[in-house]
Amino acid sequence: MKALKNFTEKNKKIQKLRKILKSYKSVLVAFSGGSDSSFLLKAAIDFLGADKVLAVTVKSEFIPEKKILEAKSIAETIGARWITIDIPVLYESNLIKNPANRCYICKKTILKSLKKIAKKEGLNQVIEGAITEDREGYRPGVKAVRELKVKSPLIEAGFSKEEIRKFSRKLSLPTWDKPSFTCLATRFPYGTRLTKKNLEKVAAAEDFLANKTFKQFRVRYHGNIARIEVPEKDFDKLLSQRKNIIAEFKKIGFDYITLDIEGYRSGSMDIGIENG
């Protein structure tokens, strides 16, 4: 795998990212295994050295087990020290009622735990992989990041999703074209009670679509209705498999299965919510 150091002289944003990371001396990376946190972890390893970096992946009711295994594999590929921490946020943070500030409560709970690990491990700074697009829309979790003085080096250096993917591909990172994934709680309308059983229903439905080779999708939970979001280009593909999808989703526990003709879009559950 190529090193990010090879691009330092040619790109001002990578130069800035290097300077930012070097200033921390040692870091704990909040690591999801997605394209952004993987690029950040790679940069931290390249600019600080593996002994100055620890990747930590959170296990909770909101994250499917297969995502934890993916994160482990990616961290090993990058050559990072990696651990998981089990945080039962659904109960520990009293998020069962799914309030509109759910992301703030959840992120604050998680980041507090990561800061404790960083202190125990003698690491100077906790960092996370937010990018420039993450400043747009309804992002209550940003408040928790600011309050706990967790750093977002990719935002500071000005990296967009397109740039992350471009450089990740040059570095041969396996996440360069990995579809975005948000926690399972984002599939539920605010105010809808979150239960382990219903989170598992959504996870099972999305697993089924993934196994049918869909790359970007969401299954939104509306009680006994499953609302499927896929990009418009995948409408025909999904409808061609409608009988199998209907049968499997009903087996999982949904009575009605719908295709959202507006298509896949991030944050569709945030409509009507004030930015915060």
C-alpha atoms as a PDB file:
ATOM      1  CA  MET A   1       0.000   0.000   0.000  1.00  0.00           C
ATOM      2  CA  LYS A   2       1.344   3.433  -0.955  1.00  0.00           C
ATOM      3  CA  ALA A   3       2.143   6.039   1.708  1.00  0.00           C
ATOM      4  CA  LEU A   4       0.409   9.407   1.880  1.00  0.00           C
ATOM      5  CA  LYS A   5       3.840  10.993   2.319  1.00  0.00           C
ATOM      6  CA  ASN A   6       4.358  10.496  -1.421  1.00  0.00           C
ATOM      7  CA  PHE A   7       1.718  13.149  -2.162  1.00  0.00           C
ATOM      8  CA  THR A   8       2.796  15.748   0.404  1.00  0.00           C
ATOM      9  CA  GLU A   9       4.789  17.955  -1.953  1.00  0.00           C
ATOM     10  CA  LYS A  10       2.074  17.989  -4.626  1.00  0.00           C
ATOM     11  CA  ASN A  11      -1.021  18.821  -2.571  1.00  0.00           C
ATOM     12  CA  LYS A  12      -1.532  21.694  -0.141  1.00  0.00           C
ATOM     13  CA  LYS A  13      -4.403  19.984   1.674  1.00  0.00           C
ATOM     14  CA  ILE A  14      -2.264  16.936   2.410  1.00  0.00           C
ATOM     15  CA  GLN A  15       0.495  19.263   3.582  1.00  0.00           C
ATOM     16  CA  LYS A  16      -1.983  20.925   5.922  1.00  0.00           C
ATOM     17  CA  LEU A  17      -3.310  17.571   7.153  1.00  0.00           C
ATOM     18  CA  ARG A  18       0.249  16.442   7.863  1.00  0.00           C
ATOM     19  CA  LYS A  19       0.930  19.622   9.857  1.00  0.00           C
ATOM     20  CA  ILE A  20      -2.281  19.208  11.874  1.00  0.00           C
ATOM     21  CA  LEU A  21      -1.620  15.559  12.719  1.00  0.00           C
ATOM     22  CA  LYS A  22       2.022  16.221  13.555  1.00  0.00           C
ATOM     23  CA  SER A  23       0.887  18.872  16.060  1.00  0.00           C
ATOM     24  CA  TYR A  24      -1.021  16.222  18.040  1.00  0.00           C
ATOM     25  CA  LYS A  25       2.012  13.898  18.322  1.00  0.00           C
ATOM     26  CA  SER A  26      -0.234  10.921  19.175  1.00  0.00           C
ATOM     27  CA  VAL A  27      -3.913  10.203  18.472  1.00  0.00           C
ATOM     28  CA  LEU A  28      -6.880   7.960  19.069  1.00  0.00           C
ATOM     29  CA  VAL A  29      -8.903   7.673  15.868  1.00  0.00           C
ATOM     30  CA  ALA A  30     -12.665   7.171  16.200  1.00  0.00           C
ATOM     31  CA  PHE A  31     -12.783   4.489  13.530  1.00  0.00           C
ATOM     32  CA  SER A  32     -15.949   3.303  11.789  1.00  0.00           C
ATOM     33  CA  GLY A  33     -14.269   1.586   8.850  1.00  0.00           C
ATOM     34  CA  GLY A  34     -15.903   3.961   6.380  1.00  0.00           C
ATOM     35  CA  SER A  35     -14.053   5.804   3.630  1.00  0.00           C
ATOM     36  CA  ASP A  36     -13.441   8.976   5.646  1.00  0.00           C
ATOM     37  CA  SER A  37     -12.201   7.470   8.919  1.00  0.00           C
ATOM     38  CA  SER A  38     -10.104   4.945   6.969  1.00  0.00           C
ATOM     39  CA  PHE A  39      -8.356   7.741   5.068  1.00  0.00           C
ATOM     40  CA  LEU A  40      -7.813   9.610   8.347  1.00  0.00           C
ATOM     41  CA  LEU A  41      -6.393   6.492  10.007  1.00  0.00           C
ATOM     42  CA  LYS A  42      -4.044   5.924   7.076  1.00  0.00           C
ATOM     43  CA  ALA A  43      -2.879   9.548   7.257  1.00  0.00           C
ATOM     44  CA  ALA A  44      -2.291   9.294  11.011  1.00  0.00           C
ATOM     45  CA  ILE A  45      -0.251   6.104  10.583  1.00  0.00           C
ATOM     46  CA  ASP A  46       1.807   7.580   7.732  1.00  0.00           C
ATOM     47  CA  PHE A  47       2.551  10.906   9.429  1.00  0.00           C
ATOM     48  CA  LEU A  48       2.837   9.858  13.092  1.00  0.00           C
ATOM     49  CA  GLY A  49       3.829   6.193  12.963  1.00  0.00           C
ATOM     50  CA  ALA A  50       1.788   3.148  13.990  1.00  0.00           C
ATOM     51  CA  ASP A  51       3.030   3.284  17.599  1.00  0.00           C
ATOM     52  CA  LYS A  52       1.477   6.763  18.033  1.00  0.00           C
ATOM     53  CA  VAL A  53      -1.961   5.796  16.739  1.00  0.00           C
ATOM     54  CA  LEU A  54      -4.829   3.703  18.106  1.00  0.00           C
ATOM     55  CA  ALA A  55      -8.002   2.993  16.126  1.00  0.00           C
ATOM     56  CA  VAL A  56     -11.109   2.375  18.235  1.00  0.00           C
ATOM     57  CA  THR A  57     -14.381   1.042  16.855  1.00  0.00           C
ATOM     58  CA  VAL A  58     -17.543   1.267  18.945  1.00  0.00           C
ATOM     59  CA  LYS A  59     -19.876  -1.713  19.232  1.00  0.00           C
ATOM     60  CA  SER A  60     -23.474  -0.786  19.986  1.00  0.00           C
ATOM     61  CA  GLU A  61     -27.044  -1.681  19.142  1.00  0.00           C
ATOM     62  CA  PHE A  62     -26.886   0.874  16.324  1.00  0.00           C
ATOM     63  CA  ILE A  63     -24.061  -0.819  14.409  1.00  0.00           C
ATOM     64  CA  PRO A  64     -24.454  -4.237  12.700  1.00  0.00           C
ATOM     65  CA  GLU A  65     -21.833  -6.814  13.692  1.00  0.00           C
ATOM     66  CA  LYS A  66     -20.631  -7.159  10.109  1.00  0.00           C
ATOM     67  CA  LYS A  67     -19.609  -3.480  10.152  1.00  0.00           C
ATOM     68  CA  ILE A  68     -17.400  -4.169  13.173  1.00  0.00           C
ATOM     69  CA  LEU A  69     -15.745  -7.053  11.333  1.00  0.00           C
ATOM     70  CA  GLU A  70     -15.228  -4.847   8.268  1.00  0.00           C
ATOM     71  CA  ALA A  71     -13.570  -2.198  10.447  1.00  0.00           C
ATOM     72  CA  LYS A  72     -11.248  -4.807  11.960  1.00  0.00           C
ATOM     73  CA  SER A  73     -10.202  -6.047   8.522  1.00  0.00           C
ATOM     74  CA  ILE A  74      -9.579  -2.520   7.190  1.00  0.00           C
ATOM     75  CA  ALA A  75      -7.551  -1.511  10.265  1.00  0.00           C
ATOM     76  CA  GLU A  76      -5.404  -4.625   9.815  1.00  0.00           C
ATOM     77  CA  THR A  77      -4.895  -3.797   6.133  1.00  0.00           C
ATOM     78  CA  ILE A  78      -3.741  -0.293   7.053  1.00  0.00           C
ATOM     79  CA  GLY A  79      -1.459  -1.714   9.764  1.00  0.00           C
ATOM     80  CA  ALA A  80      -3.068   0.024  12.726  1.00  0.00           C
ATOM     81  CA  ARG A  81      -3.458  -0.999  16.320  1.00  0.00           C
ATOM     82  CA  TRP A  82      -7.190  -1.598  16.689  1.00  0.00           C
ATOM     83  CA  ILE A  83      -9.592  -2.303  19.533  1.00  0.00           C
ATOM     84  CA  THR A  84     -13.338  -2.266  20.041  1.00  0.00           C
ATOM     85  CA  ILE A  85     -15.292  -0.845  22.933  1.00  0.00           C
ATOM     86  CA  ASP A  86     -18.809  -2.020  23.762  1.00  0.00           C
ATOM     87  CA  ILE A  87     -21.123   0.898  24.559  1.00  0.00           C
ATOM     88  CA  PRO A  88     -24.818  -0.018  24.929  1.00  0.00           C
ATOM     89  CA  VAL A  89     -25.910   3.485  23.927  1.00  0.00           C
ATOM     90  CA  LEU A  90     -29.566   2.549  23.539  1.00  0.00           C
ATOM     91  CA  TYR A  91     -29.884   2.002  27.280  1.00  0.00           C
ATOM     92  CA  GLU A  92     -26.846   3.828  28.666  1.00  0.00           C
ATOM     93  CA  SER A  93     -27.904   7.091  27.053  1.00  0.00           C
ATOM     94  CA  ASN A  94     -31.668   6.558  27.353  1.00  0.00           C
ATOM     95  CA  LEU A  95     -32.161   6.868  23.608  1.00  0.00           C
ATOM     96  CA  ILE A  96     -35.124   4.483  23.453  1.00  0.00           C
ATOM     97  CA  LYS A  97     -37.502   7.414  22.816  1.00  0.00           C
ATOM     98  CA  ASN A  98     -35.377   8.523  19.839  1.00  0.00           C
ATOM     99  CA  PRO A  99     -35.399  12.304  20.451  1.00  0.00           C
ATOM    100  CA  ALA A 100     -34.436  14.785  17.738  1.00  0.00           C
ATOM    101  CA  ASN A 101     -31.095  15.364  19.484  1.00  0.00           C
ATOM    102  CA  ARG A 102     -30.366  11.630  19.498  1.00  0.00           C
ATOM    103  CA  CYS A 103     -27.120  12.021  17.584  1.00  0.00           C
ATOM    104  CA  TYR A 104     -25.831  14.593  20.070  1.00  0.00           C
ATOM    105  CA  ILE A 105     -26.598  12.367  23.072  1.00  0.00           C
ATOM    106  CA  CYS A 106     -25.156   9.271  21.403  1.00  0.00           C
ATOM    107  CA  LYS A 107     -21.993  10.950  20.141  1.00  0.00           C
ATOM    108  CA  LYS A 108     -21.321  12.622  23.481  1.00  0.00           C
ATOM    109  CA  THR A 109     -21.626   9.272  25.271  1.00  0.00           C
ATOM    110  CA  ILE A 110     -19.245   7.623  22.798  1.00  0.00           C
ATOM    111  CA  LEU A 111     -16.675  10.420  22.722  1.00  0.00           C
ATOM    112  CA  LYS A 112     -16.511  10.582  26.516  1.00  0.00           C
ATOM    113  CA  SER A 113     -15.576   6.901  26.522  1.00  0.00           C
ATOM    114  CA  LEU A 114     -12.983   7.416  23.769  1.00  0.00           C
ATOM    115  CA  LYS A 115     -11.379  10.259  25.693  1.00  0.00           C
ATOM    116  CA  LYS A 116     -11.026   7.993  28.729  1.00  0.00           C
ATOM    117  CA  ILE A 117      -9.289   5.368  26.580  1.00  0.00           C
ATOM    118  CA  ALA A 118      -6.996   7.998  25.074  1.00  0.00           C
ATOM    119  CA  LYS A 119      -5.993   9.174  28.543  1.00  0.00           C
ATOM    120  CA  LYS A 120      -5.370   5.605  29.708  1.00  0.00           C
ATOM    121  CA  GLU A 121      -3.253   4.884  26.608  1.00  0.00           C
ATOM    122  CA  GLY A 122      -1.287   8.117  26.918  1.00  0.00           C
ATOM    123  CA  LEU A 123      -2.567   9.514  23.613  1.00  0.00           C
ATOM    124  CA  ASN A 124      -2.791  13.288  23.295  1.00  0.00           C
ATOM    125  CA  GLN A 125      -5.819  13.786  21.097  1.00  0.00           C
ATOM    126  CA  VAL A 126      -9.051  12.064  20.006  1.00  0.00           C
ATOM    127  CA  ILE A 127      -9.784  12.697  16.320  1.00  0.00           C
ATOM    128  CA  GLU A 128     -12.755  11.823  14.095  1.00  0.00           C
ATOM    129  CA  GLY A 129     -13.311  11.632  10.353  1.00  0.00           C
ATOM    130  CA  ALA A 130     -15.867  14.344   9.597  1.00  0.00           C
ATOM    131  CA  ILE A 131     -15.414  16.009   6.190  1.00  0.00           C
ATOM    132  CA  THR A 132     -16.526  19.335   4.693  1.00  0.00           C
ATOM    133  CA  GLU A 133     -19.967  17.995   3.674  1.00  0.00           C
ATOM    134  CA  ASP A 134     -20.622  17.094   7.310  1.00  0.00           C
ATOM    135  CA  ARG A 135     -21.049  20.783   8.107  1.00  0.00           C
ATOM    136  CA  GLU A 136     -24.218  20.801   5.977  1.00  0.00           C
ATOM    137  CA  GLY A 137     -27.754  19.835   7.003  1.00  0.00           C
ATOM    138  CA  TYR A 138     -28.932  18.790  10.447  1.00  0.00           C
ATOM    139  CA  ARG A 139     -25.836  17.629  12.395  1.00  0.00           C
ATOM    140  CA  PRO A 140     -26.502  17.715  16.161  1.00  0.00           C
ATOM    141  CA  GLY A 141     -23.500  15.474  16.783  1.00  0.00           C
ATOM    142  CA  VAL A 142     -21.187  18.344  15.826  1.00  0.00           C
ATOM    143  CA  LYS A 143     -22.075  20.038  19.109  1.00  0.00           C
ATOM    144  CA  ALA A 144     -20.747  17.044  21.082  1.00  0.00           C
ATOM    145  CA  VAL A 145     -17.501  17.099  19.082  1.00  0.00           C
ATOM    146  CA  ARG A 146     -16.995  20.780  19.918  1.00  0.00           C
ATOM    147  CA  GLU A 147     -17.926  20.436  23.580  1.00  0.00           C
ATOM    148  CA  LEU A 148     -15.493  17.598  24.194  1.00  0.00           C
ATOM    149  CA  LYS A 149     -12.708  19.237  22.176  1.00  0.00           C
ATOM    150  CA  VAL A 150     -12.428  16.289  19.800  1.00  0.00           C
ATOM    151  CA  LYS A 151     -10.691  17.310  16.581  1.00  0.00           C
ATOM    152  CA  SER A 152     -11.792  16.894  12.955  1.00  0.00           C
ATOM    153  CA  PRO A 153      -8.555  17.151  10.933  1.00  0.00           C
ATOM    154  CA  LEU A 154     -10.159  16.436   7.558  1.00  0.00           C
ATOM    155  CA  ILE A 155     -12.503  19.410   7.949  1.00  0.00           C
ATOM    156  CA  GLU A 156      -9.627  21.608   9.138  1.00  0.00           C
ATOM    157  CA  ALA A 157      -7.610  20.621   6.070  1.00  0.00           C
ATOM    158  CA  GLY A 158     -10.630  21.148   3.786  1.00  0.00           C
ATOM    159  CA  PHE A 159     -11.183  17.610   2.475  1.00  0.00           C
ATOM    160  CA  SER A 160     -14.404  16.760   0.622  1.00  0.00           C
ATOM    161  CA  LYS A 161     -15.821  13.282  -0.027  1.00  0.00           C
ATOM    162  CA  GLU A 162     -14.656  13.410  -3.650  1.00  0.00           C
ATOM    163  CA  GLU A 163     -11.086  14.189  -2.564  1.00  0.00           C
ATOM    164  CA  ILE A 164     -11.116  11.462   0.088  1.00  0.00           C
ATOM    165  CA  ARG A 165     -12.146   8.911  -2.532  1.00  0.00           C
ATOM    166  CA  LYS A 166      -9.580  10.176  -5.059  1.00  0.00           C
ATOM    167  CA  PHE A 167      -6.648   9.913  -2.678  1.00  0.00           C
ATOM    168  CA  SER A 168      -7.906   6.666  -1.141  1.00  0.00           C
ATOM    169  CA  ARG A 169      -7.885   5.118  -4.601  1.00  0.00           C
ATOM    170  CA  LYS A 170      -4.325   6.324  -5.218  1.00  0.00           C
ATOM    171  CA  LEU A 171      -3.322   4.792  -1.877  1.00  0.00           C
ATOM    172  CA  SER A 172      -5.057   1.484  -2.783  1.00  0.00           C
ATOM    173  CA  LEU A 173      -7.298   1.755   0.281  1.00  0.00           C
ATOM    174  CA  PRO A 174     -10.121  -0.814  -0.025  1.00  0.00           C
ATOM    175  CA  THR A 175     -12.601   1.828   1.144  1.00  0.00           C
ATOM    176  CA  TRP A 176     -12.073   4.229  -1.759  1.00  0.00           C
ATOM    177  CA  ASP A 177     -15.501   3.433  -3.250  1.00  0.00           C
ATOM    178  CA  LYS A 178     -17.205   2.094  -0.126  1.00  0.00           C
ATOM    179  CA  PRO A 179     -20.834   3.316   0.134  1.00  0.00           C
ATOM    180  CA  SER A 180     -21.594   5.619   3.037  1.00  0.00           C
ATOM    181  CA  PHE A 181     -23.189   4.070   6.107  1.00  0.00           C
ATOM    182  CA  THR A 182     -24.853   5.768   9.046  1.00  0.00           C
ATOM    183  CA  CYS A 183     -26.006   4.107  12.249  1.00  0.00           C
ATOM    184  CA  LEU A 184     -29.240   2.109  12.161  1.00  0.00           C
ATOM    185  CA  ALA A 185     -31.041   4.662  14.346  1.00  0.00           C
ATOM    186  CA  THR A 186     -31.143   7.024  11.343  1.00  0.00           C
ATOM    187  CA  ARG A 187     -33.645   4.686   9.686  1.00  0.00           C
ATOM    188  CA  PHE A 188     -36.334   5.617  12.227  1.00  0.00           C
ATOM    189  CA  PRO A 189     -38.474   8.788  12.398  1.00  0.00           C
ATOM    190  CA  TYR A 190     -37.678  10.888  15.460  1.00  0.00           C
ATOM    191  CA  GLY A 191     -40.013   9.986  18.297  1.00  0.00           C
ATOM    192  CA  THR A 192     -40.363   6.374  17.124  1.00  0.00           C
ATOM    193  CA  ARG A 193     -39.354   4.083  19.963  1.00  0.00           C
ATOM    194  CA  LEU A 194     -36.078   2.318  19.314  1.00  0.00           C
ATOM    195  CA  THR A 195     -35.848  -1.330  20.332  1.00  0.00           C
ATOM    196  CA  LYS A 196     -33.175  -3.909  19.734  1.00  0.00           C
ATOM    197  CA  LYS A 197     -35.720  -6.060  17.886  1.00  0.00           C
ATOM    198  CA  ASN A 198     -36.683  -3.316  15.412  1.00  0.00           C
ATOM    199  CA  LEU A 199     -33.065  -2.285  14.865  1.00  0.00           C
ATOM    200  CA  GLU A 200     -32.315  -5.917  14.018  1.00  0.00           C
ATOM    201  CA  LYS A 201     -35.260  -5.995  11.578  1.00  0.00           C
ATOM    202  CA  VAL A 202     -33.828  -3.051   9.653  1.00  0.00           C
ATOM    203  CA  ALA A 203     -30.331  -4.588   9.721  1.00  0.00           C
ATOM    204  CA  ALA A 204     -31.693  -7.881   8.339  1.00  0.00           C
ATOM    205  CA  ALA A 205     -33.583  -6.095   5.558  1.00  0.00           C
ATOM    206  CA  GLU A 206     -30.514  -4.099   4.552  1.00  0.00           C
ATOM    207  CA  ASP A 207     -28.346  -7.230   4.652  1.00  0.00           C
ATOM    208  CA  PHE A 208     -30.730  -8.844   2.192  1.00  0.00           C
ATOM    209  CA  LEU A 209     -30.443  -5.913  -0.224  1.00  0.00           C
ATOM    210  CA  ALA A 210     -26.652  -5.940   0.119  1.00  0.00           C
ATOM    211  CA  ASN A 211     -26.625  -9.627  -0.768  1.00  0.00           C
ATOM    212  CA  LYS A 212     -28.631  -8.764  -3.870  1.00  0.00           C
ATOM    213  CA  THR A 213     -25.660  -6.570  -4.940  1.00  0.00           C
ATOM    214  CA  PHE A 214     -27.253  -3.212  -4.188  1.00  0.00           C
ATOM    215  CA  LYS A 215     -24.504  -0.812  -3.079  1.00  0.00           C
ATOM    216  CA  GLN A 216     -26.227   2.364  -1.875  1.00  0.00           C
ATOM    217  CA  PHE A 217     -29.575   2.030  -0.136  1.00  0.00           C
ATOM    218  CA  ARG A 218     -31.538   2.553   3.056  1.00  0.00           C
ATOM    219  CA  VAL A 219     -34.483   0.728   4.586  1.00  0.00           C
ATOM    220  CA  ARG A 220     -36.499   3.303   6.529  1.00  0.00           C
ATOM    221  CA  TYR A 221     -38.713   2.004   9.317  1.00  0.00           C
ATOM    222  CA  HIS A 222     -42.321   3.184   9.579  1.00  0.00           C
ATOM    223  CA  GLY A 223     -43.911   0.649  11.915  1.00  0.00           C
ATOM    224  CA  ASN A 224     -45.125  -2.225   9.756  1.00  0.00           C
ATOM    225  CA  ILE A 225     -44.008  -0.386   6.592  1.00  0.00           C
ATOM    226  CA  ALA A 226     -40.504  -0.662   5.130  1.00  0.00           C
ATOM    227  CA  ARG A 227     -39.642   2.269   2.835  1.00  0.00           C
ATOM    228  CA  ILE A 228     -36.760   1.365   0.541  1.00  0.00           C
ATOM    229  CA  GLU A 229     -34.489   4.095  -0.802  1.00  0.00           C
ATOM    230  CA  VAL A 230     -32.169   3.272  -3.713  1.00  0.00           C
ATOM    231  CA  PRO A 231     -30.692   5.588  -6.369  1.00  0.00           C
ATOM    232  CA  GLU A 232     -33.029   6.181  -9.303  1.00  0.00           C
ATOM    233  CA  LYS A 233     -30.711   4.194 -11.580  1.00  0.00           C
ATOM    234  CA  ASP A 234     -31.455   1.102  -9.439  1.00  0.00           C
ATOM    235  CA  PHE A 235     -35.258   1.345  -9.572  1.00  0.00           C
ATOM    236  CA  ASP A 236     -35.605  -1.177 -12.405  1.00  0.00           C
ATOM    237  CA  LYS A 237     -33.150  -3.551 -10.758  1.00  0.00           C
ATOM    238  CA  LEU A 238     -35.086  -3.452  -7.488  1.00  0.00           C
ATOM    239  CA  LEU A 239     -38.472  -3.880  -9.152  1.00  0.00           C
ATOM    240  CA  SER A 240     -37.167  -6.828 -11.164  1.00  0.00           C
ATOM    241  CA  GLN A 241     -36.543  -8.565  -7.826  1.00  0.00           C
ATOM    242  CA  ARG A 242     -39.723  -7.343  -6.142  1.00  0.00           C
ATOM    243  CA  LYS A 243     -41.191 -10.783  -5.435  1.00  0.00           C
ATOM    244  CA  ASN A 244     -38.069 -11.993  -3.637  1.00  0.00           C
ATOM    245  CA  ILE A 245     -37.743  -8.718  -1.732  1.00  0.00           C
ATOM    246  CA  ILE A 246     -41.397  -8.768  -0.673  1.00  0.00           C
ATOM    247  CA  ALA A 247     -41.167 -12.378   0.497  1.00  0.00           C
ATOM    248  CA  GLU A 248     -37.987 -11.764   2.510  1.00  0.00           C
ATOM    249  CA  PHE A 249     -39.131  -8.491   4.067  1.00  0.00           C
ATOM    250  CA  LYS A 250     -42.415 -10.086   5.149  1.00  0.00           C
ATOM    251  CA  LYS A 251     -40.440 -12.943   6.667  1.00  0.00           C
ATOM    252  CA  ILE A 252     -38.408 -10.359   8.570  1.00  0.00           C
ATOM    253  CA  GLY A 253     -41.626  -8.834   9.924  1.00  0.00           C
ATOM    254  CA  PHE A 254     -42.774  -6.000   7.640  1.00  0.00           C
ATOM    255  CA  ASP A 255     -46.357  -6.064   6.344  1.00  0.00           C
ATOM    256  CA  TYR A 256     -45.936  -3.454   3.603  1.00  0.00           C
ATOM    257  CA  ILE A 257     -42.888  -2.865   1.420  1.00  0.00           C
ATOM    258  CA  THR A 258     -42.604   0.360  -0.560  1.00  0.00           C
ATOM    259  CA  LEU A 259     -40.113   1.953  -2.968  1.00  0.00           C
ATOM    260  CA  ASP A 260     -39.519   5.650  -2.330  1.00  0.00           C
ATOM    261  CA  ILE A 261     -39.715   7.175  -5.817  1.00  0.00           C
ATOM    262  CA  GLU A 262     -37.678  10.193  -4.646  1.00  0.00           C
ATOM    263  CA  GLY A 263     -34.746   7.798  -4.432  1.00  0.00           C
ATOM    264  CA  TYR A 264     -31.846   7.445  -2.041  1.00  0.00           C
ATOM    265  CA  ARG A 265     -30.756  10.596  -0.201  1.00  0.00           C
ATOM    266  CA  SER A 266     -28.907  11.174   3.010  1.00  0.00           C
ATOM    267  CA  GLY A 267     -30.864  12.559   5.955  1.00  0.00           C
ATOM    268  CA  SER A 268     -34.359  11.901   4.640  1.00  0.00           C
ATOM    269  CA  MET A 269     -35.557  11.500   8.240  1.00  0.00           C
ATOM    270  CA  ASP A 270     -34.417  15.060   9.042  1.00  0.00           C
ATOM    271  CA  ILE A 271     -37.049  16.836   6.965  1.00  0.00           C
ATOM    272  CA  GLY A 272     -38.686  19.551   9.036  1.00  0.00           C
ATOM    273  CA  ILE A 273     -35.919  19.536  11.656  1.00  0.00           C
ATOM    274  CA  GLU A 274     -34.137  22.835  12.320  1.00  0.00           C
ATOM    275  CA  ASN A 275     -30.396  22.840  11.699  1.00  0.00           C
ATOM    276  CA  GLY A 276     -28.426  22.488  14.883  1.00  0.00           C
END
